[in-house]
N, C-alpha and C. Protein backbone atom coordinates (compact mmCIF):
# COMPACT_ATOMS: atom_id res chain seq x y z
N MET A 1 91.42 150.07 87.11
CA MET A 1 91.89 149.09 87.11
C MET A 1 91.64 147.31 87.27
N SER A 2 91.44 147.27 86.05
CA SER A 2 91.13 145.58 85.70
C SER A 2 91.90 144.51 86.94
N ALA A 3 90.50 143.77 87.51
CA ALA A 3 92.10 142.92 88.43
C ALA A 3 92.25 141.40 87.60
N PRO A 4 93.18 141.19 88.44
CA PRO A 4 94.30 140.04 87.84
C PRO A 4 93.37 139.36 87.55
N LYS A 5 93.78 138.14 85.92
CA LYS A 5 93.09 137.24 86.00
C LYS A 5 93.42 135.69 86.90
N LEU A 6 92.69 135.05 87.00
CA LEU A 6 92.17 134.12 87.94
C LEU A 6 93.49 133.64 87.70
N ILE A 7 94.04 132.51 88.47
CA ILE A 7 94.55 131.35 87.95
C ILE A 7 94.39 129.80 88.02
N ARG A 8 94.22 128.71 88.18
CA ARG A 8 93.71 127.37 88.52
C ARG A 8 94.90 126.35 89.15
N ALA A 9 94.85 126.47 90.38
CA ALA A 9 95.62 125.88 91.21
C ALA A 9 95.32 124.21 92.00
N ASP A 10 95.83 123.46 91.43
CA ASP A 10 95.59 122.04 91.68
C ASP A 10 96.20 121.59 92.91
N LEU A 11 96.00 121.33 94.53
CA LEU A 11 96.64 121.60 95.45
C LEU A 11 97.26 120.36 96.15
N HIS A 12 97.31 119.33 95.56
CA HIS A 12 97.37 118.31 96.51
C HIS A 12 97.54 117.08 95.00
N ASN A 13 99.02 116.11 95.35
CA ASN A 13 99.05 115.42 94.17
C ASN A 13 99.87 114.66 94.12
N HIS A 14 99.75 113.54 93.38
CA HIS A 14 101.19 112.68 93.79
C HIS A 14 101.83 112.00 93.14
N THR A 15 103.41 111.66 92.57
CA THR A 15 104.11 111.29 91.48
C THR A 15 104.36 109.87 92.00
N TYR A 16 105.00 109.14 90.94
CA TYR A 16 105.42 107.84 91.34
C TYR A 16 106.55 107.79 93.05
N TYR A 17 106.80 108.96 93.21
CA TYR A 17 108.09 108.97 94.22
C TYR A 17 106.55 108.35 95.41
N SER A 18 105.61 108.70 95.37
CA SER A 18 104.38 107.92 96.05
C SER A 18 104.17 106.74 95.92
N PRO A 19 104.31 105.66 96.90
CA PRO A 19 104.03 104.01 96.45
C PRO A 19 102.84 103.99 96.18
N ASP A 20 101.66 104.17 95.98
CA ASP A 20 100.41 104.61 95.82
C ASP A 20 100.03 105.21 93.72
N SER A 21 101.28 105.65 93.85
CA SER A 21 101.15 106.53 92.13
C SER A 21 101.50 106.03 91.63
N ILE A 22 101.17 105.83 89.83
CA ILE A 22 101.93 105.45 88.88
C ILE A 22 102.21 106.93 88.23
N LEU A 23 102.05 108.36 88.45
CA LEU A 23 102.36 109.10 87.72
C LEU A 23 103.94 109.75 87.52
N SER A 24 104.63 109.77 86.38
CA SER A 24 106.03 110.50 86.38
C SER A 24 105.65 111.57 86.52
N PRO A 25 107.11 112.40 86.80
CA PRO A 25 107.08 113.93 86.68
C PRO A 25 106.40 114.41 85.26
N LYS A 26 107.01 113.93 84.21
CA LYS A 26 106.68 114.45 82.84
C LYS A 26 105.29 114.08 82.82
N GLN A 27 104.59 113.11 83.04
CA GLN A 27 103.05 112.96 82.93
C GLN A 27 102.41 114.04 83.87
N VAL A 28 103.07 114.34 84.83
CA VAL A 28 102.22 115.73 85.47
C VAL A 28 102.21 116.82 84.64
N VAL A 29 103.54 117.09 84.29
CA VAL A 29 103.94 118.32 83.43
C VAL A 29 102.55 118.55 82.30
N GLU A 30 102.61 117.26 81.45
CA GLU A 30 102.14 117.16 80.27
C GLU A 30 100.35 117.46 80.20
N ARG A 31 100.23 116.60 81.44
CA ARG A 31 98.46 116.67 81.92
C ARG A 31 98.04 118.03 82.71
N ALA A 32 99.04 118.49 82.82
CA ALA A 32 98.52 119.80 83.94
C ALA A 32 98.24 120.79 83.18
N ARG A 33 98.93 120.85 81.52
CA ARG A 33 99.36 121.63 80.92
C ARG A 33 97.51 121.56 79.87
N ARG A 34 97.52 119.99 79.89
CA ARG A 34 96.35 119.81 78.84
C ARG A 34 95.24 120.38 79.88
N ALA A 35 95.10 120.18 81.21
CA ALA A 35 93.64 120.68 81.62
C ALA A 35 93.83 122.05 82.10
N GLY A 36 94.51 122.72 81.69
CA GLY A 36 95.19 123.86 81.42
C GLY A 36 95.08 124.31 83.21
N LEU A 37 95.97 124.22 83.64
CA LEU A 37 96.51 124.28 85.16
C LEU A 37 97.47 125.21 84.97
N ASP A 38 97.14 126.56 86.16
CA ASP A 38 98.69 127.59 85.95
C ASP A 38 99.52 127.33 87.08
N CYS A 39 99.42 126.33 87.89
CA CYS A 39 99.67 125.92 89.16
C CYS A 39 99.32 124.28 89.78
N ILE A 40 100.22 123.86 90.07
CA ILE A 40 100.02 122.32 90.58
C ILE A 40 101.24 122.35 91.85
N ALA A 41 100.24 121.81 92.78
CA ALA A 41 101.13 121.43 94.32
C ALA A 41 101.79 119.17 94.12
N ILE A 42 102.68 119.53 94.20
CA ILE A 42 102.84 117.74 94.12
C ILE A 42 103.51 117.56 95.96
N THR A 43 102.61 117.29 96.25
CA THR A 43 102.69 116.53 97.67
C THR A 43 102.67 115.03 98.07
N ASP A 44 104.05 114.32 97.35
CA ASP A 44 104.07 112.54 97.83
C ASP A 44 104.12 112.36 99.11
N HIS A 45 103.74 111.32 99.06
CA HIS A 45 103.77 110.71 100.76
C HIS A 45 105.10 110.50 101.39
N ASN A 46 105.22 111.57 102.43
CA ASN A 46 106.67 111.02 103.05
C ASN A 46 107.77 111.32 102.29
N THR A 47 107.79 112.12 101.02
CA THR A 47 109.14 112.79 100.44
C THR A 47 108.45 114.35 99.63
N VAL A 48 109.30 114.97 99.32
CA VAL A 48 109.59 116.28 98.75
C VAL A 48 110.37 115.60 97.24
N ARG A 49 110.74 114.36 97.01
CA ARG A 49 111.04 114.14 95.92
C ARG A 49 110.66 114.44 94.67
N GLY A 50 109.03 114.18 94.41
CA GLY A 50 108.18 114.37 93.54
C GLY A 50 108.42 115.76 93.11
N GLY A 51 108.13 116.56 93.85
CA GLY A 51 107.81 118.09 94.20
C GLY A 51 108.72 118.73 93.45
N LEU A 52 110.50 118.67 93.87
CA LEU A 52 111.23 118.71 92.83
C LEU A 52 111.56 118.37 91.27
N ALA A 53 111.40 117.11 91.44
CA ALA A 53 111.44 116.74 90.14
C ALA A 53 110.59 117.44 88.70
N VAL A 54 109.38 117.38 89.74
CA VAL A 54 108.62 118.16 88.65
C VAL A 54 108.70 119.65 88.44
N ARG A 55 109.33 120.33 89.74
CA ARG A 55 109.48 121.48 88.97
C ARG A 55 110.78 121.87 88.10
N GLU A 56 111.75 120.50 88.43
CA GLU A 56 112.95 121.14 87.88
C GLU A 56 112.29 120.75 86.14
N ILE A 57 111.47 120.58 85.35
CA ILE A 57 111.10 120.45 84.22
C ILE A 57 109.84 121.01 83.65
N ALA A 58 109.34 121.74 84.78
CA ALA A 58 107.79 122.09 84.66
C ALA A 58 108.42 123.61 83.53
N ASP A 59 107.57 124.19 82.85
CA ASP A 59 107.73 125.43 81.95
C ASP A 59 106.35 125.83 81.90
N GLY A 60 106.49 127.44 82.00
CA GLY A 60 104.92 127.73 81.79
C GLY A 60 104.27 127.68 82.71
N PHE A 61 104.24 127.18 84.24
CA PHE A 61 103.48 127.37 84.77
C PHE A 61 104.23 126.34 86.50
N GLN A 62 103.12 127.24 87.46
CA GLN A 62 103.71 127.13 88.90
C GLN A 62 103.72 125.74 89.34
N VAL A 63 105.01 125.22 90.12
CA VAL A 63 105.09 124.41 91.14
C VAL A 63 105.36 124.34 92.25
N ILE A 64 104.25 124.16 93.50
CA ILE A 64 104.56 123.87 94.61
C ILE A 64 105.25 122.53 95.10
N VAL A 65 105.95 122.73 95.93
CA VAL A 65 106.87 121.96 96.12
C VAL A 65 106.15 121.18 98.06
N GLY A 66 105.39 120.15 98.41
CA GLY A 66 104.94 119.99 99.37
C GLY A 66 105.11 118.46 99.53
N GLU A 67 104.34 118.00 100.49
CA GLU A 67 104.45 116.57 101.29
C GLU A 67 103.58 116.14 102.05
N GLU A 68 103.08 115.23 101.93
CA GLU A 68 101.79 114.56 102.48
C GLU A 68 101.87 113.57 103.57
N VAL A 69 102.32 113.90 104.54
CA VAL A 69 103.34 113.22 105.60
C VAL A 69 102.57 112.80 106.83
N ARG A 70 102.47 111.16 106.78
CA ARG A 70 101.87 110.39 107.59
C ARG A 70 102.39 110.59 109.13
N THR A 71 101.41 110.92 109.79
CA THR A 71 102.30 111.40 111.17
C THR A 71 101.52 110.03 112.18
N ALA A 72 102.01 109.87 113.73
CA ALA A 72 100.77 109.20 114.27
C ALA A 72 99.71 109.52 114.64
N ASP A 73 98.99 110.50 114.19
CA ASP A 73 97.88 111.05 114.45
C ASP A 73 96.90 111.15 112.97
N GLY A 74 97.43 110.77 111.72
CA GLY A 74 96.49 110.96 110.51
C GLY A 74 97.43 111.99 110.05
N GLU A 75 97.36 112.37 108.05
CA GLU A 75 98.20 112.73 107.89
C GLU A 75 98.17 114.15 107.62
N VAL A 76 98.98 115.04 107.13
CA VAL A 76 99.29 116.08 107.58
C VAL A 76 99.82 116.93 105.82
N LEU A 77 99.61 117.92 105.49
CA LEU A 77 99.79 118.37 104.10
C LEU A 77 100.86 119.48 104.45
N GLY A 78 102.44 119.67 104.04
CA GLY A 78 102.86 120.64 103.85
C GLY A 78 103.55 121.51 102.99
N LEU A 79 103.18 122.74 102.68
CA LEU A 79 103.08 123.26 101.31
C LEU A 79 104.25 124.29 100.93
N PHE A 80 105.12 124.19 100.06
CA PHE A 80 106.35 125.19 99.94
C PHE A 80 107.51 124.54 101.30
N LEU A 81 107.89 123.64 100.70
CA LEU A 81 108.77 122.52 101.60
C LEU A 81 110.03 122.85 100.52
N THR A 82 110.94 122.33 101.51
CA THR A 82 112.22 122.33 100.78
C THR A 82 113.05 121.19 101.14
N GLU A 83 112.76 120.54 102.25
CA GLU A 83 113.31 118.97 102.84
C GLU A 83 112.12 118.33 102.96
N ASP A 84 112.70 116.94 103.15
CA ASP A 84 111.69 116.16 103.39
C ASP A 84 111.37 116.11 105.26
N VAL A 85 109.91 115.94 105.38
CA VAL A 85 109.69 115.79 106.82
C VAL A 85 109.43 114.32 107.25
N PRO A 86 109.95 113.86 108.00
CA PRO A 86 109.92 112.73 108.26
C PRO A 86 108.62 111.98 109.04
N ARG A 87 108.34 110.82 108.53
CA ARG A 87 107.21 110.14 108.70
C ARG A 87 107.29 109.73 110.23
N GLY A 88 105.80 109.54 111.06
CA GLY A 88 105.80 108.99 111.94
C GLY A 88 105.54 109.68 113.49
N LEU A 89 105.84 110.88 113.47
CA LEU A 89 106.12 111.91 114.67
C LEU A 89 104.32 112.52 114.66
N SER A 90 104.57 113.07 115.96
CA SER A 90 103.18 113.58 116.43
C SER A 90 102.59 114.65 115.54
N ALA A 91 101.26 114.78 115.27
CA ALA A 91 100.98 115.79 113.98
C ALA A 91 101.63 117.26 114.60
N ARG A 92 101.48 117.57 116.04
CA ARG A 92 102.20 118.98 116.91
C ARG A 92 103.50 118.93 116.17
N GLU A 93 104.25 117.67 116.31
CA GLU A 93 106.03 117.98 116.04
C GLU A 93 105.98 117.98 114.63
N THR A 94 104.92 117.34 113.53
CA THR A 94 104.95 117.77 111.70
C THR A 94 104.83 118.54 111.54
N VAL A 95 103.70 119.50 112.22
CA VAL A 95 103.55 120.74 111.92
C VAL A 95 104.78 121.84 112.34
N ALA A 96 105.22 121.66 113.50
CA ALA A 96 106.70 122.44 113.64
C ALA A 96 107.40 122.10 112.94
N LEU A 97 108.13 121.07 112.36
CA LEU A 97 108.59 120.71 111.10
C LEU A 97 108.68 121.56 110.40
N ILE A 98 107.31 121.73 110.24
CA ILE A 98 107.08 121.99 108.17
C ILE A 98 106.58 123.91 108.82
N LYS A 99 106.90 124.31 109.78
CA LYS A 99 106.67 125.91 110.00
C LYS A 99 108.11 125.98 109.80
N GLU A 100 108.99 124.93 110.92
CA GLU A 100 110.19 125.52 110.41
C GLU A 100 111.06 125.97 109.37
N GLN A 101 110.59 124.90 107.85
CA GLN A 101 111.06 125.53 107.07
C GLN A 101 109.93 126.81 106.11
N GLY A 102 109.27 127.28 107.11
CA GLY A 102 108.62 128.43 106.17
C GLY A 102 107.70 128.23 105.67
N GLY A 103 107.33 126.83 105.61
CA GLY A 103 105.72 126.02 104.87
C GLY A 103 104.37 126.40 105.65
N LEU A 104 103.81 126.02 105.20
CA LEU A 104 102.21 126.17 105.09
C LEU A 104 101.74 124.86 105.65
N VAL A 105 100.64 124.69 106.37
CA VAL A 105 100.16 123.71 106.95
C VAL A 105 98.79 123.35 106.26
N GLY A 106 98.16 121.89 105.79
CA GLY A 106 96.66 121.97 105.34
C GLY A 106 96.63 120.52 106.29
N VAL A 107 95.43 120.67 105.82
CA VAL A 107 94.76 119.22 106.58
C VAL A 107 93.99 118.20 105.05
N PRO A 108 94.43 117.52 104.53
CA PRO A 108 93.61 116.96 103.34
C PRO A 108 92.93 115.98 103.67
N HIS A 109 91.81 115.96 103.16
CA HIS A 109 90.39 114.66 103.25
C HIS A 109 89.97 114.41 104.91
N PRO A 110 89.98 115.84 105.69
CA PRO A 110 89.38 115.87 106.95
C PRO A 110 88.07 115.05 106.77
N PHE A 111 88.17 114.06 107.96
CA PHE A 111 87.01 113.54 107.83
C PHE A 111 86.67 112.00 107.22
N ASP A 112 87.71 111.97 106.45
CA ASP A 112 87.51 110.52 105.19
C ASP A 112 87.95 109.38 106.24
N HIS A 113 86.83 108.55 106.91
CA HIS A 113 87.83 107.66 107.83
C HIS A 113 87.99 106.11 107.02
N LEU A 114 87.80 106.56 105.55
CA LEU A 114 88.44 105.18 104.57
C LEU A 114 90.19 105.60 104.32
N ARG A 115 90.83 106.54 104.82
CA ARG A 115 92.04 106.92 104.57
C ARG A 115 92.40 107.61 106.31
N SER A 116 93.65 107.86 106.22
CA SER A 116 94.26 108.10 107.38
C SER A 116 94.01 109.80 107.71
N ALA A 117 92.66 109.92 108.00
CA ALA A 117 92.56 111.59 108.20
C ALA A 117 93.07 112.12 109.52
N LEU A 118 93.35 113.11 109.49
CA LEU A 118 93.77 113.88 110.97
C LEU A 118 92.25 113.89 111.14
N ASN A 119 92.05 113.14 112.78
CA ASN A 119 91.06 112.99 113.59
C ASN A 119 90.49 114.74 113.97
N GLU A 120 88.99 114.77 113.97
CA GLU A 120 88.19 115.97 114.69
C GLU A 120 89.39 116.55 115.98
N ALA A 121 89.16 116.12 117.00
CA ALA A 121 89.45 116.10 117.91
C ALA A 121 91.77 116.96 117.57
N GLU A 122 92.09 116.22 117.29
CA GLU A 122 93.48 116.44 116.92
C GLU A 122 93.42 117.94 116.23
N MET A 123 92.35 118.13 115.22
CA MET A 123 92.30 119.55 114.07
C MET A 123 91.99 120.11 115.39
N GLU A 124 91.04 120.14 116.34
CA GLU A 124 90.61 121.06 117.37
C GLU A 124 92.02 121.62 118.03
N ALA A 125 93.13 120.89 118.39
CA ALA A 125 93.70 121.20 119.08
C ALA A 125 94.97 121.74 118.87
N LEU A 126 95.54 121.79 116.97
CA LEU A 126 96.12 122.20 116.28
C LEU A 126 95.81 123.65 116.00
N ILE A 127 94.47 123.81 115.58
CA ILE A 127 93.28 124.88 114.86
C ILE A 127 94.45 126.12 115.13
N GLY A 128 95.15 126.74 115.63
CA GLY A 128 95.63 127.75 115.86
C GLY A 128 97.06 127.76 114.61
N GLU A 129 97.47 126.06 114.49
CA GLU A 129 98.81 126.52 113.26
C GLU A 129 98.74 125.91 112.30
N ILE A 130 96.89 125.16 112.09
CA ILE A 130 96.54 125.37 110.91
C ILE A 130 96.43 126.02 109.92
N ASP A 131 96.97 126.16 108.45
CA ASP A 131 96.76 127.18 107.80
C ASP A 131 95.52 127.08 106.58
N PHE A 132 95.13 125.86 106.51
CA PHE A 132 93.85 125.83 105.79
C PHE A 132 93.38 124.45 105.60
N ILE A 133 92.37 124.02 105.39
CA ILE A 133 91.43 123.04 105.27
C ILE A 133 91.33 122.65 104.16
N GLU A 134 91.28 121.24 103.66
CA GLU A 134 91.06 120.77 102.23
C GLU A 134 89.57 120.49 101.95
N ALA A 135 88.82 121.14 101.40
CA ALA A 135 87.47 121.26 101.42
C ALA A 135 86.81 120.68 100.17
N LEU A 136 87.80 120.44 99.42
CA LEU A 136 87.32 119.56 97.85
C LEU A 136 88.35 118.36 97.30
N ASN A 137 88.63 117.53 97.27
CA ASN A 137 89.00 115.94 97.26
C ASN A 137 88.55 115.21 96.37
N SER A 138 88.88 115.72 95.09
CA SER A 138 88.48 114.61 94.19
C SER A 138 88.38 112.53 94.61
N ARG A 139 89.22 112.20 94.87
CA ARG A 139 89.28 110.97 95.47
C ARG A 139 88.27 110.35 96.67
N ILE A 140 87.61 111.98 97.62
CA ILE A 140 86.68 111.34 98.26
C ILE A 140 86.03 110.30 98.05
N VAL A 141 85.38 109.15 98.22
CA VAL A 141 84.23 108.24 98.13
C VAL A 141 82.94 108.67 98.32
N PHE A 142 82.60 109.42 99.65
CA PHE A 142 81.84 109.65 99.95
C PHE A 142 81.26 111.54 100.17
N ALA A 143 80.77 112.27 99.22
CA ALA A 143 80.61 113.39 99.09
C ALA A 143 80.57 114.68 100.69
N VAL A 144 79.96 113.89 101.48
CA VAL A 144 79.29 114.20 102.90
C VAL A 144 80.70 114.51 103.32
N HIS A 145 81.89 114.05 103.46
CA HIS A 145 83.52 114.31 103.45
C HIS A 145 83.86 115.58 103.63
N ASN A 146 83.66 115.74 102.32
CA ASN A 146 84.06 117.18 101.94
C ASN A 146 83.16 118.22 102.33
N LYS A 147 81.94 118.21 102.54
CA LYS A 147 80.77 118.90 103.18
C LYS A 147 81.38 119.23 104.72
N LEU A 148 81.44 118.04 105.43
CA LEU A 148 81.95 118.46 106.79
C LEU A 148 83.07 119.42 106.79
N ALA A 149 83.99 119.11 105.64
CA ALA A 149 85.43 119.28 105.95
C ALA A 149 85.20 120.61 105.60
N LEU A 150 84.20 121.05 104.71
CA LEU A 150 83.94 122.77 104.44
C LEU A 150 83.20 123.62 105.68
N GLU A 151 82.62 122.73 106.20
CA GLU A 151 81.52 123.39 107.57
C GLU A 151 83.05 123.34 108.48
N PHE A 152 83.64 122.75 108.89
CA PHE A 152 84.56 122.53 109.76
C PHE A 152 85.70 124.11 109.54
N ALA A 153 85.90 124.31 108.25
CA ALA A 153 86.98 125.40 108.03
C ALA A 153 86.18 126.79 108.14
N ARG A 154 84.75 126.75 107.97
CA ARG A 154 83.91 127.87 108.06
C ARG A 154 84.24 128.35 109.17
N ARG A 155 83.69 126.89 109.99
CA ARG A 155 83.65 127.39 111.62
C ARG A 155 84.75 127.81 112.58
N HIS A 156 86.07 127.83 111.86
CA HIS A 156 87.07 128.51 112.33
C HIS A 156 87.59 129.33 111.29
N ASP A 157 87.31 129.73 110.79
CA ASP A 157 87.65 131.02 109.85
C ASP A 157 88.86 130.76 108.90
N LYS A 158 88.68 129.36 108.46
CA LYS A 158 90.47 128.84 107.50
C LYS A 158 89.79 128.82 106.18
N PRO A 159 91.17 129.19 105.52
CA PRO A 159 90.80 129.23 104.19
C PRO A 159 90.57 127.44 103.49
N VAL A 160 89.86 127.58 102.57
CA VAL A 160 89.86 126.56 101.73
C VAL A 160 90.74 125.78 100.39
N SER A 161 91.09 124.59 100.28
CA SER A 161 91.86 124.20 98.90
C SER A 161 90.86 123.27 98.86
N ALA A 162 91.16 123.10 97.18
CA ALA A 162 90.72 121.97 96.46
C ALA A 162 91.99 121.18 95.70
N ALA A 163 91.94 119.94 95.48
CA ALA A 163 92.69 118.68 94.83
C ALA A 163 92.24 118.32 94.02
N SER A 164 92.95 117.29 93.07
CA SER A 164 92.51 116.26 92.17
C SER A 164 93.29 115.09 93.32
N ASP A 165 94.11 114.87 93.90
CA ASP A 165 94.95 113.98 94.78
C ASP A 165 94.73 113.13 93.83
N ALA A 166 95.58 113.55 92.46
CA ALA A 166 95.72 112.54 90.89
C ALA A 166 96.79 111.28 91.80
N HIS A 167 96.60 110.38 91.56
CA HIS A 167 97.50 109.04 90.92
C HIS A 167 97.79 108.90 90.01
N SER A 168 96.88 109.22 89.01
CA SER A 168 97.30 108.67 87.70
C SER A 168 96.77 109.63 86.93
N ALA A 169 97.36 109.66 85.43
CA ALA A 169 97.20 111.22 84.62
C ALA A 169 95.75 111.86 84.54
N ARG A 170 94.60 110.69 84.38
CA ARG A 170 93.37 111.06 84.38
C ARG A 170 93.05 112.18 85.22
N GLU A 171 93.21 111.56 86.35
CA GLU A 171 92.88 112.41 87.52
C GLU A 171 93.61 113.91 87.62
N VAL A 172 94.32 114.25 86.99
CA VAL A 172 95.10 115.68 87.37
C VAL A 172 94.13 116.77 86.72
N GLY A 173 93.89 118.03 87.50
CA GLY A 173 92.93 118.92 87.06
C GLY A 173 91.56 118.36 87.50
N ARG A 174 91.37 117.33 87.98
CA ARG A 174 89.73 117.59 88.21
C ARG A 174 89.10 118.07 88.98
N SER A 175 89.71 118.94 90.31
CA SER A 175 89.81 119.77 91.20
C SER A 175 90.92 120.78 91.18
N TYR A 176 90.14 122.01 91.39
CA TYR A 176 91.24 123.14 91.60
C TYR A 176 90.37 124.08 91.89
N VAL A 177 91.25 125.35 92.48
CA VAL A 177 90.78 126.59 93.26
C VAL A 177 91.29 127.92 91.95
N GLU A 178 90.04 128.79 92.20
CA GLU A 178 90.47 129.57 91.13
C GLU A 178 90.65 130.90 92.18
N MET A 179 91.92 131.11 91.86
CA MET A 179 92.38 132.25 92.98
C MET A 179 93.49 133.00 92.27
N PRO A 180 93.73 134.50 92.87
CA PRO A 180 94.29 135.17 92.36
C PRO A 180 95.92 134.94 92.42
N PRO A 181 96.61 135.38 91.18
CA PRO A 181 97.91 134.81 91.36
C PRO A 181 98.62 134.94 92.84
N PHE A 182 99.63 134.37 93.17
CA PHE A 182 100.66 134.59 94.13
C PHE A 182 101.71 134.38 93.80
N THR A 183 103.00 134.67 94.63
CA THR A 183 103.99 134.19 95.15
C THR A 183 104.60 133.32 95.38
N GLY A 184 104.53 133.12 96.58
CA GLY A 184 104.80 132.38 97.42
C GLY A 184 103.94 132.42 98.75
N PRO A 185 104.47 131.74 99.98
CA PRO A 185 103.82 131.56 101.00
C PRO A 185 103.29 132.53 101.55
N GLY A 186 103.73 133.64 101.33
CA GLY A 186 103.59 135.25 101.96
C GLY A 186 102.19 135.62 101.66
N ASP A 187 102.15 135.38 100.43
CA ASP A 187 100.57 136.02 100.13
C ASP A 187 99.73 134.79 99.45
N PHE A 188 99.91 133.31 99.47
CA PHE A 188 98.83 132.40 99.29
C PHE A 188 97.83 132.55 99.90
N LEU A 189 98.21 132.43 101.70
CA LEU A 189 96.58 132.15 102.11
C LEU A 189 95.63 133.55 101.73
N ASP A 190 95.52 134.89 101.84
CA ASP A 190 95.15 135.73 101.38
C ASP A 190 94.29 135.35 99.80
N SER A 191 95.30 135.16 99.16
CA SER A 191 94.89 134.01 97.34
C SER A 191 93.84 133.40 97.45
N LEU A 192 94.34 132.13 98.59
CA LEU A 192 93.73 131.18 98.45
C LEU A 192 91.87 131.33 99.17
N ARG A 193 91.99 131.93 99.96
CA ARG A 193 90.81 132.75 100.93
C ARG A 193 89.92 133.33 99.91
N SER A 194 90.27 134.53 98.86
CA SER A 194 89.76 134.84 97.29
C SER A 194 89.19 133.94 96.26
N GLY A 195 89.63 132.48 96.66
CA GLY A 195 89.76 131.61 95.67
C GLY A 195 87.97 131.03 95.65
N ARG A 196 87.92 129.91 94.75
CA ARG A 196 86.56 129.52 94.59
C ARG A 196 87.12 128.11 93.73
N LEU A 197 86.10 127.25 94.88
CA LEU A 197 86.86 125.57 94.59
C LEU A 197 85.47 124.94 93.44
N VAL A 198 86.73 124.26 92.69
CA VAL A 198 86.52 124.08 91.30
C VAL A 198 86.21 122.64 91.18
N GLY A 199 85.09 121.48 90.84
CA GLY A 199 85.79 120.29 90.61
C GLY A 199 84.77 119.12 90.60
N ARG A 200 84.98 117.97 90.54
CA ARG A 200 83.70 117.08 90.74
C ARG A 200 84.88 115.84 91.32
N LEU A 201 83.88 114.82 92.07
CA LEU A 201 84.58 113.48 92.41
C LEU A 201 85.15 112.42 91.49
N SER A 202 85.89 111.70 91.31
CA SER A 202 86.32 110.73 90.62
C SER A 202 85.77 109.47 91.30
N SER A 203 85.85 108.44 90.24
CA SER A 203 85.04 107.34 90.20
C SER A 203 85.76 106.88 91.82
N PRO A 204 85.06 105.73 92.46
CA PRO A 204 85.42 105.24 93.19
C PRO A 204 86.61 103.74 92.53
N MET A 205 86.47 103.83 91.60
CA MET A 205 87.41 102.49 90.95
C MET A 205 88.62 103.33 90.55
N ILE A 206 88.66 104.43 90.86
CA ILE A 206 90.10 104.73 90.70
C ILE A 206 90.96 104.46 91.55
N HIS A 207 90.34 104.43 93.07
CA HIS A 207 91.08 103.61 93.96
C HIS A 207 92.11 102.56 93.26
N MET A 208 91.91 101.36 92.75
CA MET A 208 92.33 100.25 91.87
C MET A 208 93.94 100.56 91.16
N VAL A 209 93.89 101.93 90.77
CA VAL A 209 94.90 102.58 90.03
C VAL A 209 96.35 102.46 91.80
N SER A 210 95.76 103.01 92.65
CA SER A 210 96.15 102.90 93.69
C SER A 210 97.11 101.57 94.22
N ARG A 211 96.16 100.72 94.45
CA ARG A 211 96.23 99.37 94.42
C ARG A 211 97.34 98.63 93.93
N TYR A 212 97.30 98.93 92.68
CA TYR A 212 98.02 98.45 91.46
C TYR A 212 99.81 98.71 91.63
N ALA A 213 99.76 100.40 91.93
CA ALA A 213 100.79 100.82 92.33
C ALA A 213 101.66 100.24 93.24
N THR A 214 100.64 99.90 94.36
CA THR A 214 101.29 99.72 95.75
C THR A 214 102.11 98.22 95.92
N ILE A 215 101.26 97.67 94.80
CA ILE A 215 101.80 96.05 94.41
C ILE A 215 102.81 96.24 93.82
N ARG A 216 103.29 97.06 92.84
CA ARG A 216 104.25 97.23 92.25
C ARG A 216 105.64 97.86 92.75
N HIS A 217 105.27 98.51 93.85
CA HIS A 217 106.59 98.64 94.52
C HIS A 217 106.86 97.93 95.41
N ARG A 218 106.03 96.99 96.01
CA ARG A 218 106.42 95.74 96.71
C ARG A 218 106.96 94.65 96.37
N LEU A 219 106.65 94.80 94.90
CA LEU A 219 107.59 93.40 94.20
C LEU A 219 109.12 94.08 94.03
N GLY A 220 108.90 95.30 93.64
CA GLY A 220 110.63 96.14 94.10
C GLY A 220 110.60 97.00 92.70
N TRP A 221 109.49 97.42 92.13
CA TRP A 221 109.92 98.55 91.00
C TRP A 221 110.38 100.04 91.94
N LYS A 222 110.72 100.61 91.48
CA LYS A 222 111.51 102.05 91.91
C LYS A 222 111.26 103.04 90.60
N PRO A 223 110.72 104.28 90.86
CA PRO A 223 110.98 105.59 90.12
C PRO A 223 112.67 105.52 89.72
N GLY A 224 112.50 106.15 88.68
CA GLY A 224 113.82 106.12 87.75
C GLY A 224 114.26 107.43 88.09
């Protein structure tokens, strides 16, 4: 019996429900198809609204509703969520709220001190509750930060994920995991553990897109 066909899953992306992204839900769907993705996780900052919006219009590929939560200790990823997890709580409180929803907990761009990464001491303290580590993030400026994340995950025997961390259309699908199909959080981690990280870094200039989006939101622009 032949093994199931692997899928391509890009596991951390933002729509314009994040104040630093210009991507509409419709653009996410179009670009995901064009990039050959089978699955995409939408993890907007401090809200699940973008993930719900993309899931509503997606046809032909899997959408994971998630959130990148700004905690008092750095950012935490929640996948397979149904409602917002509030920002500003401790990392431990945030992890508990994600778990209460039946979600999975990941650490986005650890060791990236140019962004609000969860610090290593906090990751060590919460390692029993962390489900996966993001070890390939295309928006990392210094490749060594991805390397450190992979080494940390291996030391603690945690599955690793890959993500474009897209905030604009051209970024979608730049990094992804080739992994066996999964149906939900129950078999996601086993699938992820069997996966292979694929992708490359974006140009550091891509962060100018986020600056533009942030200014636009501050001037009063609101997503439709």
